[in-house]
Amino acid sequence: MILDHLLEEVENQLVKYYCIVSEDCRYDIVVIHSERFFGKAMVVSIQNSRMVLLSHHDIADEDYWAEKLDIKSSDVTEFRNFLHLVLDKYQLTEQF
């Protein structure tokens, strides 16, 4: 099998680690702000090793991110508030 190397770039990224605790659950989350991904941040759940790309506008669609990040239904509202704070803080703008 032949692999073609299409791109290699180095970028300084802002990476933030968060540990969030609710009544029933703990969430260890990494938020990576990048110049890539059309202005969206990578939000990674350390517990289940899954990630989603989120912009401020994507937060309202919890069907998109809650299951992937393994957020319990009882914690979705508070987690949505957390995401608003984290993503608003860095004023990410979409390119398209």
Protein backbone atom coordinates (compact mmCIF):
# COMPACT_ATOMS: atom_id res chain seq x y z
CA MET A 1 0.00 0.00 0.00
CA ILE A 2 1.35 3.40 -0.96
CA LEU A 3 0.62 6.39 1.24
CA ASP A 4 0.86 9.91 -0.12
CA HIS A 5 1.81 12.60 2.37
CA LEU A 6 -0.58 15.48 1.63
CA LEU A 7 0.03 17.95 4.43
CA GLU A 8 2.11 18.60 7.50
CA GLU A 9 1.71 21.76 9.55
CA VAL A 10 2.79 22.88 12.97
CA GLU A 11 0.41 25.03 14.94
CA ASN A 12 0.41 26.41 18.45
CA GLN A 13 -2.94 25.48 19.90
CA LEU A 14 -4.71 26.59 23.03
CA VAL A 15 -5.56 23.46 25.02
CA LYS A 16 -7.67 23.58 28.19
CA TYR A 17 -8.42 20.67 30.51
CA TYR A 18 -11.58 20.65 32.61
CA CYS A 19 -12.85 18.33 35.30
CA ILE A 20 -16.57 18.82 35.87
CA VAL A 21 -18.57 17.05 38.54
CA SER A 22 -22.34 16.71 38.76
CA GLU A 23 -24.35 14.91 41.40
CA ASP A 24 -23.93 11.56 39.68
CA CYS A 25 -21.04 11.85 37.29
CA ARG A 26 -17.59 13.22 36.59
CA TYR A 27 -16.58 14.55 33.18
CA ASP A 28 -12.96 15.03 32.14
CA ILE A 29 -12.99 17.21 29.06
CA VAL A 30 -10.30 18.71 26.84
CA VAL A 31 -11.09 21.73 24.67
CA ILE A 32 -8.63 22.42 21.87
CA HIS A 33 -8.84 25.73 20.05
CA SER A 34 -7.27 25.62 16.61
CA GLU A 35 -7.05 27.59 13.39
CA ARG A 36 -8.37 24.49 11.67
CA PHE A 37 -11.86 22.99 11.64
CA PHE A 38 -13.62 26.09 10.27
CA GLY A 39 -13.51 27.94 13.59
CA LYS A 40 -14.79 25.05 15.67
CA ALA A 41 -13.14 23.75 18.82
CA MET A 42 -12.34 20.09 19.39
CA VAL A 43 -14.10 18.94 22.54
CA VAL A 44 -12.77 15.59 23.72
CA SER A 45 -14.09 13.31 26.44
CA ILE A 46 -11.11 11.68 28.12
CA GLN A 47 -13.30 8.92 29.61
CA ASN A 48 -14.61 7.54 26.32
CA SER A 49 -11.94 8.89 23.93
CA ARG A 50 -14.51 10.48 21.66
CA MET A 51 -14.56 14.00 20.31
CA VAL A 52 -16.84 16.47 18.59
CA LEU A 53 -16.14 19.66 16.73
CA LEU A 54 -18.23 22.45 18.24
CA SER A 55 -18.88 26.07 17.51
CA HIS A 56 -21.03 28.38 19.57
CA HIS A 57 -23.94 27.64 17.20
CA ASP A 58 -23.64 23.85 17.62
CA ILE A 59 -24.24 23.96 21.37
CA ALA A 60 -28.03 24.19 20.94
CA ASP A 61 -28.04 20.80 19.18
CA GLU A 62 -27.37 18.53 22.14
CA ASP A 63 -28.40 15.50 20.06
CA TYR A 64 -25.16 16.10 18.16
CA TRP A 65 -22.73 16.29 21.08
CA ALA A 66 -24.28 14.88 24.30
CA GLU A 67 -24.22 11.21 23.36
CA LYS A 68 -20.76 11.42 21.79
CA LEU A 69 -19.33 13.00 24.93
CA ASP A 70 -21.35 10.59 27.12
CA ILE A 71 -23.19 13.37 28.96
CA LYS A 72 -26.04 12.07 31.10
CA SER A 73 -29.45 13.50 30.19
CA SER A 74 -29.80 15.03 33.66
CA ASP A 75 -26.56 17.00 33.08
CA VAL A 76 -27.16 18.26 29.53
CA THR A 77 -28.53 21.68 30.51
CA GLU A 78 -25.66 22.49 32.85
CA PHE A 79 -23.12 21.10 30.39
CA ARG A 80 -24.61 23.29 27.66
CA ASN A 81 -24.08 26.31 29.94
CA PHE A 82 -20.48 25.20 30.49
CA LEU A 83 -19.88 24.92 26.74
CA HIS A 84 -21.28 28.42 26.20
CA LEU A 85 -18.83 29.80 28.75
CA VAL A 86 -15.85 27.94 27.31
CA LEU A 87 -16.53 28.67 23.65
CA ASP A 88 -17.64 32.29 24.22
CA LYS A 89 -14.47 32.95 26.17
CA TYR A 90 -12.33 32.61 23.06
CA GLN A 91 -14.75 34.17 20.55
CA LEU A 92 -14.32 31.55 17.90
CA THR A 93 -15.66 32.64 14.56
CA GLU A 94 -16.73 30.40 11.75
CA GLN A 95 -15.03 30.83 8.41
CA PHE A 96 -18.13 29.95 6.41
